[in-house]
C-alpha atoms as a PDB file:
ATOM      1  CA  MET A   1       0.000   0.000   0.000  1.00  0.00           C
ATOM      2  CA  PHE A   2       2.525   2.570   1.149  1.00  0.00           C
ATOM      3  CA  ASP A   3       6.142   2.196   0.169  1.00  0.00           C
ATOM      4  CA  ILE A   4       7.739   2.615   3.600  1.00  0.00           C
ATOM      5  CA  GLY A   5      11.111   1.047   4.331  1.00  0.00           C
ATOM      6  CA  PHE A   6      12.581  -0.026   7.657  1.00  0.00           C
ATOM      7  CA  SER A   7      14.629   3.173   8.109  1.00  0.00           C
ATOM      8  CA  GLU A   8      11.534   5.294   7.519  1.00  0.00           C
ATOM      9  CA  MET A   9       9.628   3.273  10.123  1.00  0.00           C
ATOM     10  CA  ILE A  10      12.381   3.978  12.691  1.00  0.00           C
ATOM     11  CA  VAL A  11      12.198   7.715  11.956  1.00  0.00           C
ATOM     12  CA  ILE A  12       8.387   7.665  12.396  1.00  0.00           C
ATOM     13  CA  GLY A  13       8.763   5.735  15.694  1.00  0.00           C
ATOM     14  CA  VAL A  14      11.303   8.190  17.080  1.00  0.00           C
ATOM     15  CA  VAL A  15       9.137  11.194  16.124  1.00  0.00           C
ATOM     16  CA  ALA A  16       6.076   9.516  17.692  1.00  0.00           C
ATOM     17  CA  LEU A  17       8.043   8.832  20.876  1.00  0.00           C
ATOM     18  CA  LEU A  18       9.095  12.463  21.109  1.00  0.00           C
ATOM     19  CA  VAL A  19       5.659  13.917  20.283  1.00  0.00           C
ATOM     20  CA  ILE A  20       3.368  11.532  22.194  1.00  0.00           C
ATOM     21  CA  GLY A  21       5.656  10.583  24.993  1.00  0.00           C
ATOM     22  CA  PRO A  22       6.724   7.250  26.417  1.00  0.00           C
ATOM     23  CA  GLU A  23       3.634   6.876  28.663  1.00  0.00           C
ATOM     24  CA  LYS A  24       0.948   7.203  25.968  1.00  0.00           C
ATOM     25  CA  LEU A  25       2.847   5.593  23.065  1.00  0.00           C
ATOM     26  CA  PRO A  26       1.823   1.944  23.791  1.00  0.00           C
ATOM     27  CA  ARG A  27      -1.864   2.910  24.095  1.00  0.00           C
ATOM     28  CA  VAL A  28      -1.737   4.981  20.876  1.00  0.00           C
ATOM     29  CA  ALA A  29       0.044   2.136  19.069  1.00  0.00           C
ATOM     30  CA  ARG A  30      -2.707  -0.327  20.138  1.00  0.00           C
ATOM     31  CA  THR A  31      -5.427   2.091  19.031  1.00  0.00           C
ATOM     32  CA  ILE A  32      -3.753   2.654  15.658  1.00  0.00           C
ATOM     33  CA  GLY A  33      -3.308  -1.126  15.234  1.00  0.00           C
ATOM     34  CA  ALA A  34      -6.988  -1.747  16.033  1.00  0.00           C
ATOM     35  CA  LEU A  35      -8.091   0.979  13.584  1.00  0.00           C
ATOM     36  CA  MET A  36      -5.809  -0.431  10.880  1.00  0.00           C
ATOM     37  CA  GLY A  37      -7.246  -3.930  11.506  1.00  0.00           C
ATOM     38  CA  ARG A  38     -10.806  -2.610  11.169  1.00  0.00           C
ATOM     39  CA  ALA A  39      -9.880  -0.791   7.966  1.00  0.00           C
ATOM     40  CA  GLN A  40      -8.336  -3.964   6.525  1.00  0.00           C
ATOM     41  CA  ARG A  41     -11.396  -6.043   7.451  1.00  0.00           C
ATOM     42  CA  TYR A  42     -13.680  -3.421   5.886  1.00  0.00           C
ATOM     43  CA  VAL A  43     -11.638  -3.416   2.664  1.00  0.00           C
ATOM     44  CA  ASN A  44     -11.644  -7.242   2.588  1.00  0.00           C
ATOM     45  CA  ASP A  45     -15.431  -7.317   3.137  1.00  0.00           C
ATOM     46  CA  VAL A  46     -15.967  -4.850   0.287  1.00  0.00           C
ATOM     47  CA  LYS A  47     -13.715  -6.944  -1.989  1.00  0.00           C
ATOM     48  CA  ALA A  48     -15.619 -10.106  -1.048  1.00  0.00           C
ATOM     49  CA  ASP A  49     -18.977  -8.414  -1.766  1.00  0.00           C
ATOM     50  CA  ILE A  50     -17.759  -7.220  -5.151  1.00  0.00           C
ATOM     51  CA  ASN A  51     -16.475 -10.709  -6.000  1.00  0.00           C
ATOM     52  CA  ARG A  52     -19.807 -12.246  -4.946  1.00  0.00           C
ATOM     53  CA  GLU A  53     -21.693  -9.798  -7.172  1.00  0.00           C
ATOM     54  CA  ILE A  54     -19.412 -10.581 -10.101  1.00  0.00           C
ATOM     55  CA  GLU A  55     -19.894 -14.329  -9.599  1.00  0.00           C
ATOM     56  CA  LEU A  56     -23.637 -13.818  -9.265  1.00  0.00           C
ATOM     57  CA  ASP A  57     -23.685 -11.888 -12.550  1.00  0.00           C
ATOM     58  CA  GLU A  58     -21.707 -14.642 -14.241  1.00  0.00           C
ATOM     59  CA  LEU A  59     -24.070 -17.291 -12.866  1.00  0.00           C
ATOM     60  CA  LYS A  60     -27.090 -15.316 -14.080  1.00  0.00           C
ATOM     61  CA  LYS A  61     -25.562 -15.077 -17.559  1.00  0.00           C
ATOM     62  CA  LEU A  62     -24.770 -18.790 -17.512  1.00  0.00           C
ATOM     63  CA  ARG A  63     -28.306 -19.584 -16.371  1.00  0.00           C
ATOM     64  CA  THR A  64     -29.725 -17.436 -19.166  1.00  0.00           C
ATOM     65  CA  THR A  65     -27.515 -19.164 -21.718  1.00  0.00           C
ATOM     66  CA  VAL A  66     -28.472 -22.625 -20.457  1.00  0.00           C
ATOM     67  CA  THR A  67     -32.159 -21.687 -20.380  1.00  0.00           C
ATOM     68  CA  GLU A  68     -32.003 -20.410 -23.967  1.00  0.00           C
ATOM     69  CA  ALA A  69     -30.210 -23.561 -25.097  1.00  0.00           C
ATOM     70  CA  ALA A  70     -32.771 -25.753 -23.329  1.00  0.00           C
ATOM     71  CA  GLN A  71     -35.627 -23.762 -24.894  1.00  0.00           C
ATOM     72  CA  SER A  72     -34.022 -24.124 -28.319  1.00  0.00           C
ATOM     73  CA  ILE A  73     -33.626 -27.880 -27.869  1.00  0.00           C
ATOM     74  CA  GLU A  74     -37.192 -28.183 -26.597  1.00  0.00           C
ATOM     75  CA  ASN A  75     -38.542 -26.262 -29.606  1.00  0.00           C
ATOM     76  CA  SER A  76     -36.474 -28.397 -31.967  1.00  0.00           C
ATOM     77  CA  VAL A  77     -37.776 -31.591 -30.373  1.00  0.00           C
ATOM     78  CA  LYS A  78     -41.372 -30.311 -30.501  1.00  0.00           C
ATOM     79  CA  GLU A  79     -41.008 -29.425 -34.191  1.00  0.00           C
ATOM     80  CA  THR A  80     -39.529 -32.840 -34.960  1.00  0.00           C
ATOM     81  CA  VAL A  81     -42.238 -34.653 -33.007  1.00  0.00           C
ATOM     82  CA  SER A  82     -44.996 -32.652 -34.680  1.00  0.00           C
ATOM     83  CA  GLY A  83     -43.424 -33.399 -38.072  1.00  0.00           C
ATOM     84  CA  PHE A  84     -43.341 -37.113 -37.260  1.00  0.00           C
ATOM     85  CA  GLU A  85     -46.916 -36.988 -36.006  1.00  0.00           C
ATOM     86  CA  ALA A  86     -48.038 -35.271 -39.208  1.00  0.00           C
ATOM     87  CA  GLN A  87     -46.222 -37.873 -41.306  1.00  0.00           C
ATOM     88  CA  ALA A  88     -47.700 -40.673 -39.213  1.00  0.00           C
ATOM     89  CA  ALA A  89     -51.205 -39.261 -39.650  1.00  0.00           C
ATOM     90  CA  GLU A  90     -50.635 -38.888 -43.379  1.00  0.00           C
ATOM     91  CA  LEU A  91     -49.312 -42.437 -43.632  1.00  0.00           C
ATOM     92  CA  ASN A  92     -52.251 -43.783 -41.631  1.00  0.00           C
ATOM     93  CA  ASN A  93     -54.638 -42.004 -43.996  1.00  0.00           C
ATOM     94  CA  LEU A  94     -52.793 -43.333 -47.027  1.00  0.00           C
ATOM     95  CA  ALA A  95     -52.616 -46.851 -45.600  1.00  0.00           C
ATOM     96  CA  SER A  96     -56.346 -46.905 -44.892  1.00  0.00           C
ATOM     97  CA  GLY A  97     -57.046 -45.981 -48.512  1.00  0.00           C
ATOM     98  CA  ALA A  98     -58.305 -42.453 -47.961  1.00  0.00           C
ATOM     99  CA  ALA A  99     -55.957 -39.921 -49.520  1.00  0.00           C
ATOM    100  CA  SER A 100     -55.715 -36.836 -47.362  1.00  0.00           C
ATOM    101  CA  PRO A 101     -56.419 -33.544 -49.170  1.00  0.00           C
ATOM    102  CA  ALA A 102     -53.885 -31.873 -46.870  1.00  0.00           C
ATOM    103  CA  ALA A 103     -51.152 -34.350 -47.837  1.00  0.00           C
ATOM    104  CA  THR A 104     -48.031 -32.678 -49.085  1.00  0.00           C
ATOM    105  CA  PRO A 105     -47.318 -33.871 -52.614  1.00  0.00           C
ATOM    106  CA  ALA A 106     -43.693 -32.806 -52.307  1.00  0.00           C
ATOM    107  CA  ALA A 107     -43.070 -35.250 -49.454  1.00  0.00           C
ATOM    108  CA  THR A 108     -44.765 -38.150 -51.221  1.00  0.00           C
ATOM    109  CA  ALA A 109     -43.180 -37.281 -54.578  1.00  0.00           C
ATOM    110  CA  ALA A 110     -39.754 -37.331 -53.006  1.00  0.00           C
ATOM    111  CA  GLY A 111     -40.451 -40.891 -51.947  1.00  0.00           C
ATOM    112  CA  VAL A 112     -40.374 -40.121 -48.241  1.00  0.00           C
ATOM    113  CA  ALA A 113     -43.783 -41.532 -47.392  1.00  0.00           C
ATOM    114  CA  ALA A 114     -43.609 -44.741 -49.419  1.00  0.00           C
ATOM    115  CA  PRO A 115     -40.719 -46.444 -47.617  1.00  0.00           C
ATOM    116  CA  LEU A 116     -42.029 -45.302 -44.241  1.00  0.00           C
ATOM    117  CA  ALA A 117     -45.522 -46.570 -44.987  1.00  0.00           C
ATOM    118  CA  THR A 118     -44.387 -49.988 -46.117  1.00  0.00           C
ATOM    119  CA  ALA A 119     -41.652 -50.626 -43.564  1.00  0.00           C
ATOM    120  CA  ALA A 120     -43.888 -51.875 -40.739  1.00  0.00           C
ATOM    121  CA  LEU A 121     -46.825 -53.305 -42.736  1.00  0.00           C
ATOM    122  CA  SER A 122     -47.561 -56.798 -43.940  1.00  0.00           C
ATOM    123  CA  PRO A 123     -46.964 -57.443 -47.672  1.00  0.00           C
ATOM    124  CA  GLU A 124     -50.699 -57.076 -48.468  1.00  0.00           C
ATOM    125  CA  ALA A 125     -51.004 -53.834 -46.519  1.00  0.00           C
ATOM    126  CA  SER A 126     -47.745 -52.631 -48.044  1.00  0.00           C
ATOM    127  CA  ALA A 127     -49.077 -53.199 -51.555  1.00  0.00           C
ATOM    128  CA  ALA A 128     -52.309 -51.402 -50.647  1.00  0.00           C
ATOM    129  CA  ALA A 129     -50.348 -48.477 -49.208  1.00  0.00           C
ATOM    130  CA  ASP A 130     -48.183 -48.305 -52.345  1.00  0.00           C
ATOM    131  CA  GLU A 131     -51.304 -48.255 -54.489  1.00  0.00           C
ATOM    132  CA  ALA A 132     -52.881 -45.530 -52.322  1.00  0.00           C
ATOM    133  CA  ILE A 133     -49.727 -43.447 -52.663  1.00  0.00           C
ATOM    134  CA  ARG A 134     -49.705 -43.897 -56.436  1.00  0.00           C
ATOM    135  CA  GLN A 135     -53.373 -42.854 -56.617  1.00  0.00           C
ATOM    136  CA  ALA A 136     -52.701 -39.794 -54.479  1.00  0.00           C
ATOM    137  CA  LEU A 137     -49.769 -38.820 -56.686  1.00  0.00           C
ATOM    138  CA  ALA A 138     -51.809 -39.389 -59.826  1.00  0.00           C
ATOM    139  CA  ALA A 139     -54.587 -37.203 -58.407  1.00  0.00           C
ATOM    140  CA  SER A 140     -52.095 -34.427 -57.671  1.00  0.00           C
ATOM    141  CA  GLU A 141     -50.658 -34.681 -61.210  1.00  0.00           C
ATOM    142  CA  MET A 142     -47.172 -35.300 -59.885  1.00  0.00           C
ATOM    143  CA  PRO A 143     -44.815 -37.924 -61.345  1.00  0.00           C
ATOM    144  CA  VAL A 144     -45.147 -41.335 -59.731  1.00  0.00           C
ATOM    145  CA  PRO A 145     -41.858 -42.636 -58.321  1.00  0.00           C
ATOM    146  CA  GLU A 146     -40.685 -46.109 -59.218  1.00  0.00           C
ATOM    147  CA  ALA A 147     -41.652 -48.810 -56.742  1.00  0.00           C
ATOM    148  CA  GLN A 148     -38.719 -49.822 -54.588  1.00  0.00           C
ATOM    149  CA  PRO A 149     -38.866 -53.132 -52.717  1.00  0.00           C
ATOM    150  CA  VAL A 150     -38.562 -52.868 -48.985  1.00  0.00           C
ATOM    151  CA  TYR A 151     -36.904 -55.734 -47.142  1.00  0.00           C
ATOM    152  CA  ALA A 152     -39.017 -56.918 -44.219  1.00  0.00           C
ATOM    153  CA  PRO A 153     -37.533 -59.952 -42.467  1.00  0.00           C
ATOM    154  CA  PRO A 154     -39.901 -62.808 -41.652  1.00  0.00           C
ATOM    155  CA  PRO A 155     -41.099 -63.041 -38.036  1.00  0.00           C
ATOM    156  CA  ASP A 156     -38.652 -65.865 -37.295  1.00  0.00           C
ATOM    157  CA  ALA A 157     -35.728 -63.900 -38.734  1.00  0.00           C
ATOM    158  CA  SER A 158     -32.437 -65.578 -38.208  1.00  0.00           C
ATOM    159  CA  PRO A 159     -29.017 -64.890 -39.744  1.00  0.00           C
ATOM    160  CA  ALA A 160     -29.753 -67.574 -42.345  1.00  0.00           C
ATOM    161  CA  HIS A 161     -32.752 -65.555 -43.648  1.00  0.00           C
ATOM    162  CA  ALA A 162     -30.919 -62.233 -43.682  1.00  0.00           C
ATOM    163  CA  PRO A 163     -29.675 -60.891 -47.009  1.00  0.00           C
ATOM    164  CA  PRO A 164     -25.965 -61.386 -47.627  1.00  0.00           C
ATOM    165  CA  VAL A 165     -23.714 -58.629 -46.384  1.00  0.00           C
ATOM    166  CA  ALA A 166     -20.715 -57.629 -48.462  1.00  0.00           C
ATOM    167  CA  GLU A 167     -17.490 -58.108 -46.583  1.00  0.00           C
ATOM    168  CA  ALA A 168     -15.175 -55.160 -46.344  1.00  0.00           C
ATOM    169  CA  ALA A 169     -11.805 -55.565 -47.972  1.00  0.00           C
ATOM    170  CA  PRO A 170      -8.930 -55.568 -45.480  1.00  0.00           C
ATOM    171  CA  PRO A 171      -6.943 -52.335 -45.508  1.00  0.00           C
ATOM    172  CA  GLY A 172      -3.933 -52.604 -47.670  1.00  0.00           C
ATOM    173  CA  PRO A 173      -1.342 -50.393 -49.286  1.00  0.00           C
ATOM    174  CA  ARG A 174      -2.812 -47.646 -51.355  1.00  0.00           C
ATOM    175  CA  ALA A 175      -1.807 -47.396 -54.957  1.00  0.00           C
END
């Protein structure tokens, strides 16, 4: 705080001894020490309060950031779920044979609905769903996509019934 060396402290002590006197000097020194201690505690308390306020501000900012991120994730999940629900409703309508007037031709034309509709259905229901999709596309004057077979394993699927899987070539020197 103050740049006072040892020699300067001796000069201050000698002057204090001469001015105050040897009888009152110990009492004055104790009083000054107590006042200096109080001042140091006060300064430390103020520093601690300022640090607490800074940490509180940082925590509030962090909480705001986390809350915004959570809200963003929640909105994203809600949008995804509502999209899946809309597709599921559309697929249910198509599978039951009633083409929905609110069906999006772009989604069905892109071939998104056909594989999803046939993936979990029996072969007869799958064929009916494919036909319903083709009729809906024909009604909307959009091009009909080519039928693509969907592999559905039999109920007693075992590795023997699974389609062959191409083996990966072992890594070797590159040419």
